[in-house]
PDB file of N, CA and C in Angstrom:
ATOM      1  N   MET A   1      86.253  10.995  72.672  1.00  0.00           N
ATOM      2  CA  MET A   1      87.083  10.539  71.323  1.00  0.00           C
ATOM      3  C   MET A   1      87.260  11.702  70.303  1.00  0.00           C
ATOM      4  N   GLN A   2      88.550  11.575  69.349  1.00  0.00           N
ATOM      5  CA  GLN A   2      89.387  12.368  68.638  1.00  0.00           C
ATOM      6  C   GLN A   2      88.314  12.450  67.574  1.00  0.00           C
ATOM      7  N   LYS A   3      88.300  13.994  67.025  1.00  0.00           N
ATOM      8  CA  LYS A   3      87.211  13.779  65.351  1.00  0.00           C
ATOM      9  C   LYS A   3      88.742  13.161  64.108  1.00  0.00           C
ATOM     10  N   VAL A   4      88.868  12.654  63.639  1.00  0.00           N
ATOM     11  CA  VAL A   4      89.835  12.363  62.490  1.00  0.00           C
ATOM     12  C   VAL A   4      88.555  12.448  61.516  1.00  0.00           C
ATOM     13  N   SER A   5      89.479  13.063  60.427  1.00  0.00           N
ATOM     14  CA  SER A   5      89.131  13.331  59.303  1.00  0.00           C
ATOM     15  C   SER A   5      88.660  12.056  57.936  1.00  0.00           C
ATOM     16  N   LEU A   6      87.623  12.560  57.546  1.00  0.00           N
ATOM     17  CA  LEU A   6      87.578  11.316  56.218  1.00  0.00           C
ATOM     18  C   LEU A   6      88.779  11.402  56.040  1.00  0.00           C
ATOM     19  N   PHE A   7      89.579  12.252  55.420  1.00  0.00           N
ATOM     20  CA  PHE A   7      90.344  11.487  54.702  1.00  0.00           C
ATOM     21  C   PHE A   7      91.312  10.665  55.006  1.00  0.00           C
ATOM     22  N   GLN A   8      91.814  11.022  56.190  1.00  0.00           N
ATOM     23  CA  GLN A   8      93.013  10.249  57.049  1.00  0.00           C
ATOM     24  C   GLN A   8      92.224   8.695  56.888  1.00  0.00           C
ATOM     25  N   VAL A   9      90.887   8.767  57.401  1.00  0.00           N
ATOM     26  CA  VAL A   9      90.233   7.403  57.458  1.00  0.00           C
ATOM     27  C   VAL A   9      90.424   6.649  55.713  1.00  0.00           C
ATOM     28  N   LEU A  10      90.066   7.634  54.674  1.00  0.00           N
ATOM     29  CA  LEU A  10      90.471   6.787  53.370  1.00  0.00           C
ATOM     30  C   LEU A  10      91.586   6.352  53.605  1.00  0.00           C
ATOM     31  N   THR A  11      92.724   7.417  53.913  1.00  0.00           N
ATOM     32  CA  THR A  11      93.894   7.084  53.161  1.00  0.00           C
ATOM     33  C   THR A  11      94.665   5.668  54.166  1.00  0.00           C
ATOM     34  N   THR A  12      94.206   5.240  55.475  1.00  0.00           N
ATOM     35  CA  THR A  12      94.653   4.171  56.105  1.00  0.00           C
ATOM     36  C   THR A  12      94.062   3.232  55.388  1.00  0.00           C
ATOM     37  N   LEU A  13      92.779   3.383  54.997  1.00  0.00           N
ATOM     38  CA  LEU A  13      91.950   1.985  54.445  1.00  0.00           C
ATOM     39  C   LEU A  13      92.858   1.841  53.477  1.00  0.00           C
ATOM     40  N   ILE A  14      93.124   2.822  52.227  1.00  0.00           N
ATOM     41  CA  ILE A  14      93.673   2.405  51.222  1.00  0.00           C
ATOM     42  C   ILE A  14      95.015   1.637  51.298  1.00  0.00           C
ATOM     43  N   ARG A  15      95.688   2.266  52.364  1.00  0.00           N
ATOM     44  CA  ARG A  15      96.981   1.781  52.958  1.00  0.00           C
ATOM     45  C   ARG A  15      96.913   0.197  53.194  1.00  0.00           C
ATOM     46  N   GLY A  16      96.173   0.108  53.736  1.00  0.00           N
ATOM     47  CA  GLY A  16      96.126  -1.194  54.546  1.00  0.00           C
ATOM     48  C   GLY A  16      95.564  -2.313  53.623  1.00  0.00           C
ATOM     49  N   ILE A  17      94.364  -1.581  52.171  1.00  0.00           N
ATOM     50  CA  ILE A  17      93.989  -2.715  51.264  1.00  0.00           C
ATOM     51  C   ILE A  17      95.410  -2.504  50.585  1.00  0.00           C
ATOM     52  N   GLY A  18      96.109  -1.752  50.310  1.00  0.00           N
ATOM     53  CA  GLY A  18      97.453  -1.711  49.209  1.00  0.00           C
ATOM     54  C   GLY A  18      98.208  -3.010  49.931  1.00  0.00           C
ATOM     55  N   THR A  19      98.441  -3.058  51.189  1.00  0.00           N
ATOM     56  CA  THR A  19      99.201  -3.873  51.801  1.00  0.00           C
ATOM     57  C   THR A  19      99.132  -4.942  51.869  1.00  0.00           C
ATOM     58  N   ILE A  20      97.549  -5.560  52.039  1.00  0.00           N
ATOM     59  CA  ILE A  20      96.752  -7.042  51.944  1.00  0.00           C
ATOM     60  C   ILE A  20      97.286  -7.159  50.437  1.00  0.00           C
ATOM     61  N   LEU A  21      96.956  -6.331  49.167  1.00  0.00           N
ATOM     62  CA  LEU A  21      97.402  -6.991  48.090  1.00  0.00           C
ATOM     63  C   LEU A  21      98.683  -7.248  48.103  1.00  0.00           C
ATOM     64  N   ALA A  22      99.704  -5.895  48.069  1.00  0.00           N
ATOM     65  CA  ALA A  22     101.016  -6.436  47.649  1.00  0.00           C
ATOM     66  C   ALA A  22     101.633  -7.594  48.536  1.00  0.00           C
ATOM     67  N   ASP A  23     100.879  -8.112  49.828  1.00  0.00           N
ATOM     68  CA  ASP A  23     101.406  -9.532  50.273  1.00  0.00           C
ATOM     69  C   ASP A  23     100.790 -10.536  49.369  1.00  0.00           C
ATOM     70  N   SER A  24      99.435 -10.346  48.955  1.00  0.00           N
ATOM     71  CA  SER A  24      99.100 -11.700  48.512  1.00  0.00           C
ATOM     72  C   SER A  24      99.974 -12.002  47.460  1.00  0.00           C
ATOM     73  N   TYR A  25      99.811 -10.487  46.523  1.00  0.00           N
ATOM     74  CA  TYR A  25     100.920 -10.610  45.378  1.00  0.00           C
ATOM     75  C   TYR A  25     102.241 -11.464  45.135  1.00  0.00           C
ATOM     76  N   ASN A  26     103.090 -10.843  46.582  1.00  0.00           N
ATOM     77  CA  ASN A  26     104.168 -11.309  46.704  1.00  0.00           C
ATOM     78  C   ASN A  26     104.537 -12.641  47.120  1.00  0.00           C
ATOM     79  N   THR A  27     103.467 -13.229  47.941  1.00  0.00           N
ATOM     80  CA  THR A  27     103.154 -14.773  47.979  1.00  0.00           C
ATOM     81  C   THR A  27     103.266 -15.563  46.795  1.00  0.00           C
ATOM     82  N   THR A  28     102.104 -14.885  46.008  1.00  0.00           N
ATOM     83  CA  THR A  28     101.896 -16.017  44.744  1.00  0.00           C
ATOM     84  C   THR A  28     103.271 -15.684  43.845  1.00  0.00           C
ATOM     85  N   LEU A  29     103.694 -15.049  44.126  1.00  0.00           N
ATOM     86  CA  LEU A  29     105.168 -14.657  43.129  1.00  0.00           C
ATOM     87  C   LEU A  29     106.429 -15.332  43.838  1.00  0.00           C
ATOM     88  N   ILE A  30     106.496 -15.845  44.543  1.00  0.00           N
ATOM     89  CA  ILE A  30     107.434 -16.260  45.403  1.00  0.00           C
ATOM     90  C   ILE A  30     106.849 -18.052  44.913  1.00  0.00           C
ATOM     91  N   PHE A  31     105.307 -18.285  45.103  1.00  0.00           N
ATOM     92  CA  PHE A  31     105.330 -19.782  44.980  1.00  0.00           C
ATOM     93  C   PHE A  31     105.232 -20.243  43.598  1.00  0.00           C
ATOM     94  N   GLU A  32     104.872 -19.217  42.431  1.00  0.00           N
ATOM     95  CA  GLU A  32     105.426 -19.475  41.098  1.00  0.00           C
ATOM     96  C   GLU A  32     106.475 -19.801  41.256  1.00  0.00           C
ATOM     97  N   LEU A  33     107.411 -18.829  41.175  1.00  0.00           N
ATOM     98  CA  LEU A  33     108.847 -18.825  41.497  1.00  0.00           C
ATOM     99  C   LEU A  33     109.698 -20.236  42.256  1.00  0.00           C
ATOM    100  N   TYR A  34     108.964 -20.626  42.726  1.00  0.00           N
ATOM    101  CA  TYR A  34     109.298 -22.270  43.888  1.00  0.00           C
ATOM    102  C   TYR A  34     108.959 -23.187  42.589  1.00  0.00           C
ATOM    103  N   GLN A  35     107.772 -22.943  42.060  1.00  0.00           N
ATOM    104  CA  GLN A  35     107.281 -24.261  41.581  1.00  0.00           C
ATOM    105  C   GLN A  35     107.896 -24.212  40.114  1.00  0.00           C
ATOM    106  N   SER A  36     108.332 -23.266  39.441  1.00  0.00           N
ATOM    107  CA  SER A  36     108.896 -23.152  38.224  1.00  0.00           C
ATOM    108  C   SER A  36     110.691 -23.462  38.252  1.00  0.00           C
ATOM    109  N   ASN A  37     111.024 -23.554  39.208  1.00  0.00           N
ATOM    110  CA  ASN A  37     112.533 -24.142  40.216  1.00  0.00           C
ATOM    111  C   ASN A  37     112.284 -25.299  40.443  1.00  0.00           C
ATOM    112  N   GLN A  38     111.545 -25.866  41.210  1.00  0.00           N
ATOM    113  CA  GLN A  38     111.169 -27.369  41.190  1.00  0.00           C
ATOM    114  C   GLN A  38     111.103 -28.015  39.763  1.00  0.00           C
ATOM    115  N   LYS A  39     110.412 -27.471  38.781  1.00  0.00           N
ATOM    116  CA  LYS A  39     110.453 -28.103  37.362  1.00  0.00           C
ATOM    117  C   LYS A  39     111.499 -28.393  36.796  1.00  0.00           C
ATOM    118  N   ALA A  40     112.530 -26.860  37.071  1.00  0.00           N
ATOM    119  CA  ALA A  40     113.514 -26.945  36.535  1.00  0.00           C
ATOM    120  C   ALA A  40     114.793 -27.960  36.919  1.00  0.00           C
ATOM    121  N   GLY A  41     114.552 -28.290  38.518  1.00  0.00           N
ATOM    122  CA  GLY A  41     115.450 -29.042  38.854  1.00  0.00           C
ATOM    123  C   GLY A  41     116.445 -28.419  39.501  1.00  0.00           C
ATOM    124  N   ILE A  42     116.057 -27.162  39.973  1.00  0.00           N
ATOM    125  CA  ILE A  42     116.685 -26.100  40.599  1.00  0.00           C
ATOM    126  C   ILE A  42     116.372 -25.945  41.699  1.00  0.00           C
ATOM    127  N   LEU A  43     116.864 -26.343  43.064  1.00  0.00           N
ATOM    128  CA  LEU A  43     116.655 -26.072  44.629  1.00  0.00           C
ATOM    129  C   LEU A  43     117.173 -24.952  44.946  1.00  0.00           C
ATOM    130  N   SER A  44     116.245 -23.801  45.059  1.00  0.00           N
ATOM    131  CA  SER A  44     117.107 -22.505  45.503  1.00  0.00           C
ATOM    132  C   SER A  44     116.898 -22.483  47.098  1.00  0.00           C
ATOM    133  N   PRO A  45     118.338 -22.191  47.746  1.00  0.00           N
ATOM    134  CA  PRO A  45     118.294 -22.424  49.496  1.00  0.00           C
ATOM    135  C   PRO A  45     117.369 -21.366  50.228  1.00  0.00           C
ATOM    136  N   ALA A  46     116.557 -20.657  49.203  1.00  0.00           N
ATOM    137  CA  ALA A  46     116.016 -19.689  50.179  1.00  0.00           C
ATOM    138  C   ALA A  46     114.517 -20.134  50.266  1.00  0.00           C
ATOM    139  N   PHE A  47     114.161 -20.951  50.208  1.00  0.00           N
ATOM    140  CA  PHE A  47     112.779 -22.041  50.113  1.00  0.00           C
ATOM    141  C   PHE A  47     113.378 -23.398  51.288  1.00  0.00           C
TER     142      PHE A  47
END
């Protein structure tokens, strides 16, 4: 078993959590944009 420093583990964890948070934030943002576009009657080809 390799010795992994605590710093490496923490960095990996923080990066993973950051990625998950960014993904959910982007999903929420896209969903809100989609809803506001629908209300305005604009259909974006991206969706």
